[in-house]
Amino acid sequence: MHTKLLVFALSIPILFLGACSTDNQTTKVKETIQTNADSSDEQNNEQSVKISSEEGYIVRIFDSGKIWVIPEITKSEIAGKSEEEINKILNDKYEGKGFHFSVEDIDKEVLAALKVGQKVSVKFDIYGHSAPMNAHATEIKIIEE
């Protein structure tokens, strides 16, 4: 009997709180949520078409049509090193750094000239945040062999 009375007594405040909410308040909350969602979509769309540029050294060329460029790495860290030595440096010091550029829209002659260790300037539009950042390359220039 005491348990039923306790449950009943605790249920009364919940009923009053539910009754205090009006349709007008609910509509305003829904409008605010939709406005925030629309604003977020606009920011994402603006960001995905923004053209940027970055300089760095190519540390890996993937068969999947991507290159990994790290602005922070120095030429001396990768020059004359084997692939295994470069992998160790990348894992120890540069994990998640730089950019993975998709290069499917880059001229085939430019792609054929790309090598690990070259300093490049890449124009790109960002389409995803990750570590390293994924971006779509729109232009690549070799700065230093």
Protein backbone atom coordinates (compact mmCIF):
# COMPACT_ATOMS: atom_id res chain seq x y z
CA MET A 1 0.00 0.00 0.00
CA HIS A 2 2.82 2.40 0.89
CA THR A 3 4.56 1.64 -2.43
CA LYS A 4 1.46 2.52 -4.47
CA LEU A 5 0.99 5.73 -2.53
CA LEU A 6 4.66 6.66 -3.03
CA VAL A 7 4.47 6.04 -6.80
CA PHE A 8 1.25 8.07 -7.01
CA ALA A 9 2.77 10.96 -5.04
CA LEU A 10 5.88 11.04 -7.23
CA SER A 11 3.81 10.95 -10.44
CA ILE A 12 1.86 14.13 -9.63
CA PRO A 13 4.79 16.56 -10.25
CA ILE A 14 5.54 14.86 -13.58
CA LEU A 15 1.94 15.38 -14.70
CA PHE A 16 2.10 19.07 -13.78
CA LEU A 17 5.38 19.56 -15.68
CA GLY A 18 3.93 17.91 -18.78
CA ALA A 19 0.80 20.05 -18.61
CA CYS A 20 2.86 23.26 -18.34
CA SER A 21 4.39 22.76 -21.78
CA THR A 22 2.34 24.46 -24.49
CA ASP A 23 2.20 23.83 -28.21
CA ASN A 24 3.72 27.29 -28.75
CA GLN A 25 6.82 26.37 -26.71
CA THR A 26 7.16 23.06 -28.54
CA THR A 27 6.93 24.82 -31.92
CA LYS A 28 9.64 27.33 -30.92
CA VAL A 29 11.97 24.52 -29.85
CA LYS A 30 11.40 22.69 -33.15
CA GLU A 31 12.07 25.90 -35.13
CA THR A 32 15.30 26.52 -33.19
CA ILE A 33 16.50 22.97 -33.83
CA GLN A 34 15.72 23.28 -37.56
CA THR A 35 17.45 26.68 -37.79
CA ASN A 36 20.58 25.27 -36.14
CA ALA A 37 20.56 22.26 -38.49
CA ASP A 38 20.17 24.51 -41.55
CA SER A 39 22.99 26.77 -40.34
CA SER A 40 25.25 23.76 -39.79
CA ASP A 41 24.50 22.46 -43.32
CA GLU A 42 25.33 25.88 -44.83
CA GLN A 43 28.64 26.01 -42.94
CA ASN A 44 29.54 22.50 -44.10
CA ASN A 45 28.68 23.37 -47.73
CA GLU A 46 30.70 26.58 -47.60
CA GLN A 47 33.66 24.74 -46.13
CA SER A 48 33.56 21.94 -48.68
CA VAL A 49 33.90 24.35 -51.64
CA LYS A 50 36.53 26.63 -50.11
CA ILE A 51 39.75 26.47 -52.12
CA SER A 52 42.92 26.41 -50.03
CA SER A 53 46.56 25.72 -50.63
CA GLU A 54 49.29 23.97 -48.67
CA GLU A 55 53.00 23.29 -49.14
CA GLY A 56 54.78 20.25 -47.82
CA TYR A 57 56.76 17.15 -48.62
CA ILE A 58 55.27 14.04 -50.18
CA VAL A 59 55.83 11.18 -47.73
CA ARG A 60 53.75 8.51 -49.42
CA ILE A 61 52.06 7.85 -52.75
CA PHE A 62 49.18 5.39 -52.48
CA ASP A 63 48.01 3.07 -55.25
CA SER A 64 44.46 4.14 -54.40
CA GLY A 65 44.92 7.57 -56.02
CA LYS A 66 46.04 9.53 -52.98
CA ILE A 67 49.21 11.20 -51.81
CA TRP A 68 50.19 12.02 -48.23
CA VAL A 69 51.75 15.47 -47.82
CA ILE A 70 53.08 16.73 -44.49
CA PRO A 71 53.91 20.45 -44.16
CA GLU A 72 55.70 20.01 -40.81
CA ILE A 73 58.24 17.41 -41.95
CA THR A 74 61.69 18.50 -43.14
CA LYS A 75 63.63 17.37 -46.19
CA SER A 76 66.45 16.02 -43.99
CA GLU A 77 64.02 13.71 -42.18
CA ILE A 78 63.10 11.87 -45.37
CA ALA A 79 66.02 12.39 -47.78
CA GLY A 80 67.96 9.21 -48.53
CA LYS A 81 65.81 7.11 -46.17
CA SER A 82 64.34 3.74 -47.02
CA GLU A 83 60.59 3.22 -47.02
CA GLU A 84 60.88 1.40 -43.67
CA GLU A 85 62.83 4.29 -42.11
CA ILE A 86 60.27 6.81 -43.39
CA ASN A 87 57.42 4.66 -42.02
CA LYS A 88 59.09 4.62 -38.59
CA ILE A 89 59.44 8.44 -38.61
CA LEU A 90 55.80 8.81 -39.71
CA ASN A 91 54.56 6.48 -36.97
CA ASP A 92 56.73 7.98 -34.24
CA LYS A 93 56.46 11.68 -35.02
CA TYR A 94 53.82 12.44 -37.66
CA GLU A 95 50.93 10.06 -37.03
CA GLY A 96 47.72 11.82 -38.09
CA LYS A 97 49.57 14.89 -39.43
CA GLY A 98 49.32 16.47 -42.85
CA PHE A 99 46.89 15.79 -45.69
CA HIS A 100 45.73 12.83 -47.72
CA PHE A 101 45.00 14.36 -51.11
CA SER A 102 42.87 12.52 -53.64
CA VAL A 103 44.51 13.15 -57.01
CA GLU A 104 42.07 11.66 -59.53
CA ASP A 105 41.51 15.06 -61.20
CA ILE A 106 45.22 15.91 -61.55
CA ASP A 107 46.92 15.72 -64.97
CA LYS A 108 48.52 12.31 -65.59
CA GLU A 109 51.89 13.88 -66.52
CA VAL A 110 52.01 15.73 -63.20
CA LEU A 111 51.11 12.54 -61.32
CA ALA A 112 53.83 10.58 -63.13
CA ALA A 113 56.42 13.17 -62.03
CA LEU A 114 55.50 12.97 -58.32
CA LYS A 115 57.95 11.20 -55.99
CA VAL A 116 58.34 10.74 -52.24
CA GLY A 117 60.58 13.50 -50.89
CA GLN A 118 59.46 16.23 -53.30
CA LYS A 119 58.20 19.51 -51.92
CA VAL A 120 54.87 20.37 -53.51
CA SER A 121 52.26 23.09 -53.41
CA VAL A 122 48.73 21.69 -53.52
CA LYS A 123 45.52 23.63 -54.13
CA PHE A 124 42.55 21.76 -52.72
CA ASP A 125 38.99 21.87 -51.51
CA ILE A 126 38.37 20.30 -48.13
CA TYR A 127 35.72 17.65 -47.86
CA GLY A 128 36.38 15.83 -44.65
CA HIS A 129 38.00 16.30 -41.28
CA SER A 130 40.13 13.45 -40.10
CA ALA A 131 43.69 12.82 -39.10
CA PRO A 132 45.36 13.25 -41.53
CA MET A 133 42.86 15.55 -43.19
CA ASN A 134 41.25 14.26 -46.39
CA ALA A 135 41.11 16.75 -49.24
CA HIS A 136 40.51 16.78 -52.98
CA ALA A 137 43.53 18.17 -54.87
CA THR A 138 42.65 20.54 -57.69
CA GLU A 139 46.21 21.51 -58.65
CA ILE A 140 49.71 20.28 -57.75
CA LYS A 141 52.99 22.10 -58.44
CA ILE A 142 56.39 20.62 -57.72
CA ILE A 143 58.46 23.22 -55.83
CA GLU A 144 61.57 21.19 -55.04
CA GLU A 145 62.83 17.85 -56.36
